[in-house]
Every structure is written in structure tokens, then in C-alpha cells.
C-alpha atoms as a PDB file:
ATOM      1  CA  PRO A   1     -62.421   2.751 -34.721  1.00  0.00           C
ATOM      2  CA  VAL A   2     -60.776   0.745 -37.276  1.00  0.00           C
ATOM      3  CA  GLN A   3     -62.413   3.532 -39.541  1.00  0.00           C
ATOM      4  CA  TYR A   4     -63.396   6.704 -40.250  1.00  0.00           C
ATOM      5  CA  THR A   5     -66.254   8.014 -41.613  1.00  0.00           C
ATOM      6  CA  ASP A   6     -64.455  10.427 -43.986  1.00  0.00           C
ATOM      7  CA  GLY A   7     -61.911   7.891 -44.186  1.00  0.00           C
ATOM      8  CA  ILE A   8     -58.452   7.495 -43.554  1.00  0.00           C
ATOM      9  CA  VAL A   9     -56.923   9.975 -46.547  1.00  0.00           C
ATOM     10  CA  LYS A  10     -58.548  12.463 -45.245  1.00  0.00           C
ATOM     11  CA  THR A  11     -57.722  11.927 -41.279  1.00  0.00           C
ATOM     12  CA  HIS A  12     -53.881  11.346 -42.690  1.00  0.00           C
ATOM     13  CA  HIS A  13     -53.745  14.597 -44.423  1.00  0.00           C
ATOM     14  CA  HIS A  14     -55.569  15.907 -41.392  1.00  0.00           C
ATOM     15  CA  THR A  15     -52.798  14.693 -38.998  1.00  0.00           C
ATOM     16  CA  ARG A  16     -49.806  15.472 -41.421  1.00  0.00           C
ATOM     17  CA  ASN A  17     -50.677  18.843 -42.011  1.00  0.00           C
ATOM     18  CA  SER A  18     -52.358  20.229 -38.518  1.00  0.00           C
ATOM     19  CA  ALA A  19     -52.139  17.816 -35.621  1.00  0.00           C
ATOM     20  CA  GLY A  20     -53.623  14.094 -34.305  1.00  0.00           C
ATOM     21  CA  LEU A  21     -54.051  12.375 -31.245  1.00  0.00           C
ATOM     22  CA  PHE A  22     -53.589   8.494 -30.487  1.00  0.00           C
ATOM     23  CA  ASP A  23     -55.084   6.959 -27.119  1.00  0.00           C
ATOM     24  CA  VAL A  24     -52.923   4.838 -26.022  1.00  0.00           C
ATOM     25  CA  SER A  25     -54.777   4.353 -22.402  1.00  0.00           C
ATOM     26  CA  HIS A  26     -56.038   0.574 -23.611  1.00  0.00           C
ATOM     27  CA  MET A  27     -51.454   0.076 -24.530  1.00  0.00           C
ATOM     28  CA  GLY A  28     -49.016  -0.750 -22.481  1.00  0.00           C
ATOM     29  CA  GLN A  29     -47.907   1.863 -20.153  1.00  0.00           C
ATOM     30  CA  LEU A  30     -44.063   2.306 -18.464  1.00  0.00           C
ATOM     31  CA  LYS A  31     -42.496   4.751 -16.281  1.00  0.00           C
ATOM     32  CA  ILE A  32     -38.886   4.607 -16.433  1.00  0.00           C
ATOM     33  CA  VAL A  33     -36.889   6.760 -13.575  1.00  0.00           C
ATOM     34  CA  GLY A  34     -33.652   7.440 -11.604  1.00  0.00           C
ATOM     35  CA  ASN A  35     -30.600   8.327 -13.152  1.00  0.00           C
ATOM     36  CA  ASP A  36     -29.732   6.345 -15.413  1.00  0.00           C
ATOM     37  CA  ARG A  37     -32.851   5.999 -17.310  1.00  0.00           C
ATOM     38  CA  ASN A  38     -31.630   7.782 -20.876  1.00  0.00           C
ATOM     39  CA  ASP A  39     -28.807   5.454 -20.727  1.00  0.00           C
ATOM     40  CA  PHE A  40     -31.118   1.803 -19.596  1.00  0.00           C
ATOM     41  CA  ILE A  41     -33.542   3.127 -22.425  1.00  0.00           C
ATOM     42  CA  GLU A  42     -30.634   3.009 -24.499  1.00  0.00           C
ATOM     43  CA  TYR A  43     -30.045  -0.525 -23.927  1.00  0.00           C
ATOM     44  CA  MET A  44     -33.374  -1.623 -24.085  1.00  0.00           C
ATOM     45  CA  THR A  45     -34.383   0.445 -27.748  1.00  0.00           C
ATOM     46  CA  VAL A  46     -32.579   1.542 -30.633  1.00  0.00           C
ATOM     47  CA  VAL A  47     -33.430   5.387 -29.180  1.00  0.00           C
ATOM     48  CA  ASP A  48     -30.879   8.155 -28.583  1.00  0.00           C
ATOM     49  CA  THR A  49     -32.771   9.452 -25.648  1.00  0.00           C
ATOM     50  CA  LYS A  50     -30.366  11.927 -24.433  1.00  0.00           C
ATOM     51  CA  ASP A  51     -30.908  14.195 -27.401  1.00  0.00           C
ATOM     52  CA  LEU A  52     -34.556  13.871 -26.939  1.00  0.00           C
ATOM     53  CA  ALA A  53     -36.069  17.523 -26.076  1.00  0.00           C
ATOM     54  CA  PRO A  54     -38.102  17.450 -23.237  1.00  0.00           C
ATOM     55  CA  PHE A  55     -42.106  16.682 -23.487  1.00  0.00           C
ATOM     56  CA  SER A  56     -41.463  15.167 -27.487  1.00  0.00           C
ATOM     57  CA  GLY A  57     -41.168  11.766 -28.478  1.00  0.00           C
ATOM     58  CA  CYS A  58     -40.367   9.069 -30.523  1.00  0.00           C
ATOM     59  CA  TYR A  59     -40.238   5.542 -32.502  1.00  0.00           C
ATOM     60  CA  SER A  60     -38.409   3.056 -31.511  1.00  0.00           C
ATOM     61  CA  LEU A  61     -37.489  -0.830 -31.674  1.00  0.00           C
ATOM     62  CA  ILE A  62     -37.026  -2.951 -28.797  1.00  0.00           C
ATOM     63  CA  PRO A  63     -34.361  -5.723 -30.717  1.00  0.00           C
ATOM     64  CA  ASN A  64     -33.718  -8.908 -29.448  1.00  0.00           C
ATOM     65  CA  ALA A  65     -30.268 -10.400 -28.842  1.00  0.00           C
ATOM     66  CA  ARG A  66     -30.102 -11.718 -32.378  1.00  0.00           C
ATOM     67  CA  GLY A  67     -31.407  -8.251 -33.646  1.00  0.00           C
ATOM     68  CA  GLY A  68     -34.669  -9.028 -34.520  1.00  0.00           C
ATOM     69  CA  ILE A  69     -38.028  -7.183 -33.235  1.00  0.00           C
ATOM     70  CA  VAL A  70     -39.371  -7.995 -29.862  1.00  0.00           C
ATOM     71  CA  ASP A  71     -42.190  -4.742 -30.398  1.00  0.00           C
ATOM     72  CA  ASP A  72     -42.010  -1.200 -31.909  1.00  0.00           C
ATOM     73  CA  THR A  73     -42.705   1.161 -29.222  1.00  0.00           C
ATOM     74  CA  ILE A  74     -42.492   4.630 -28.488  1.00  0.00           C
ATOM     75  CA  VAL A  75     -40.373   6.955 -25.954  1.00  0.00           C
ATOM     76  CA  THR A  76     -40.603  10.346 -24.645  1.00  0.00           C
ATOM     77  CA  ASN A  77     -39.003  12.836 -23.019  1.00  0.00           C
ATOM     78  CA  ALA A  78     -41.536  13.145 -19.777  1.00  0.00           C
ATOM     79  CA  GLY A  79     -38.907  15.809 -18.270  1.00  0.00           C
ATOM     80  CA  ASP A  80     -37.928  13.964 -15.087  1.00  0.00           C
ATOM     81  CA  PHE A  81     -39.093   9.932 -16.160  1.00  0.00           C
ATOM     82  CA  LEU A  82     -39.079   8.635 -19.400  1.00  0.00           C
ATOM     83  CA  TYR A  83     -42.518   7.794 -20.501  1.00  0.00           C
ATOM     84  CA  VAL A  84     -42.743   3.843 -22.798  1.00  0.00           C
ATOM     85  CA  VAL A  85     -45.526   2.492 -24.723  1.00  0.00           C
ATOM     86  CA  VAL A  86     -45.759  -0.297 -26.015  1.00  0.00           C
ATOM     87  CA  ASN A  87     -48.566  -2.565 -27.552  1.00  0.00           C
ATOM     88  CA  ALA A  88     -51.141  -4.110 -25.370  1.00  0.00           C
ATOM     89  CA  GLY A  89     -51.258  -7.219 -27.374  1.00  0.00           C
ATOM     90  CA  CYS A  90     -47.089  -7.321 -26.577  1.00  0.00           C
ATOM     91  CA  TYR A  91     -47.617  -6.765 -23.598  1.00  0.00           C
ATOM     92  CA  ASP A  92     -46.503  -9.549 -21.053  1.00  0.00           C
ATOM     93  CA  ARG A  93     -44.137 -10.947 -23.870  1.00  0.00           C
ATOM     94  CA  ASP A  94     -42.710  -7.348 -23.815  1.00  0.00           C
ATOM     95  CA  MET A  95     -42.427  -7.393 -20.460  1.00  0.00           C
ATOM     96  CA  ILE A  96     -40.904 -10.547 -19.507  1.00  0.00           C
ATOM     97  CA  HIS A  97     -38.047  -9.629 -22.214  1.00  0.00           C
ATOM     98  CA  ILE A  98     -38.103  -5.873 -20.409  1.00  0.00           C
ATOM     99  CA  ARG A  99     -37.433  -7.322 -16.859  1.00  0.00           C
ATOM    100  CA  LYS A 100     -34.689  -9.495 -18.458  1.00  0.00           C
ATOM    101  CA  LEU A 101     -33.272  -6.217 -19.462  1.00  0.00           C
ATOM    102  CA  GLU A 102     -33.420  -5.151 -15.925  1.00  0.00           C
ATOM    103  CA  ALA A 103     -32.061  -7.732 -14.948  1.00  0.00           C
ATOM    104  CA  GLU A 104     -28.504  -8.139 -17.243  1.00  0.00           C
ATOM    105  CA  TRP A 105     -28.448  -4.007 -15.920  1.00  0.00           C
ATOM    106  CA  LYS A 106     -28.687  -4.841 -12.224  1.00  0.00           C
ATOM    107  CA  ALA A 107     -25.782  -7.274 -12.832  1.00  0.00           C
ATOM    108  CA  LYS A 108     -23.413  -5.266 -14.512  1.00  0.00           C
ATOM    109  CA  GLY A 109     -23.887  -2.660 -11.539  1.00  0.00           C
ATOM    110  CA  LYS A 110     -26.299  -0.293 -12.866  1.00  0.00           C
END
């Protein structure tokens, strides 16, 4: 919901003091696999995935070549793959950018 019955402050305090859950089923979800998955995600975002503990996530950004921001993202170390979530409204634009980075990556022999 956009607004919670008890208000956003109570929800904020509960999340900060206990736990919170956010449903990402409507968002863009990517499963990044391969031996060089950490290197690729570090090329694509500003997160240090090599030091990200298993089953931990980190808020990150997907920068463009000029240092601007394409989108924000959550990257999770899911053990044998990296789970990346991007905004649903930006998914098509993000995928164009990510596929471009993937092509650059492959052109470098990665």
C-alpha cells in the first residue's frame, strides 16, 4: 500500500527495531551466474559484491558512463548466483543499459 493504516512512522520504527519485508515480485529481477559474476556486477554497479556475505543484500546504484545514475538497485549474494532487483518502471531502460554493459564485458574477453 502507498499508506499504512497506522501511518508510516510506526511502520518505519517497526522495520528499524524488528524486521520488515518488501515484496519485489512486481519489480525487475535478474539472476546473474558464472564464475565472473562478482566482477561483472562490480563493473555494472558501485557495490563490492566480493565482500558481501552469503544471503546478504546491499543497496547500490547503476551508473552511466558520465557518472550519472541510470537506476538504483538491490544486489543480493544468493550463494551460487547474484540476485539483482531493479525498479519495475525502469526495467526496459535498465535492460538496454545492462545488455550494453554485457556486450562491452564480452568484447573484453570476459
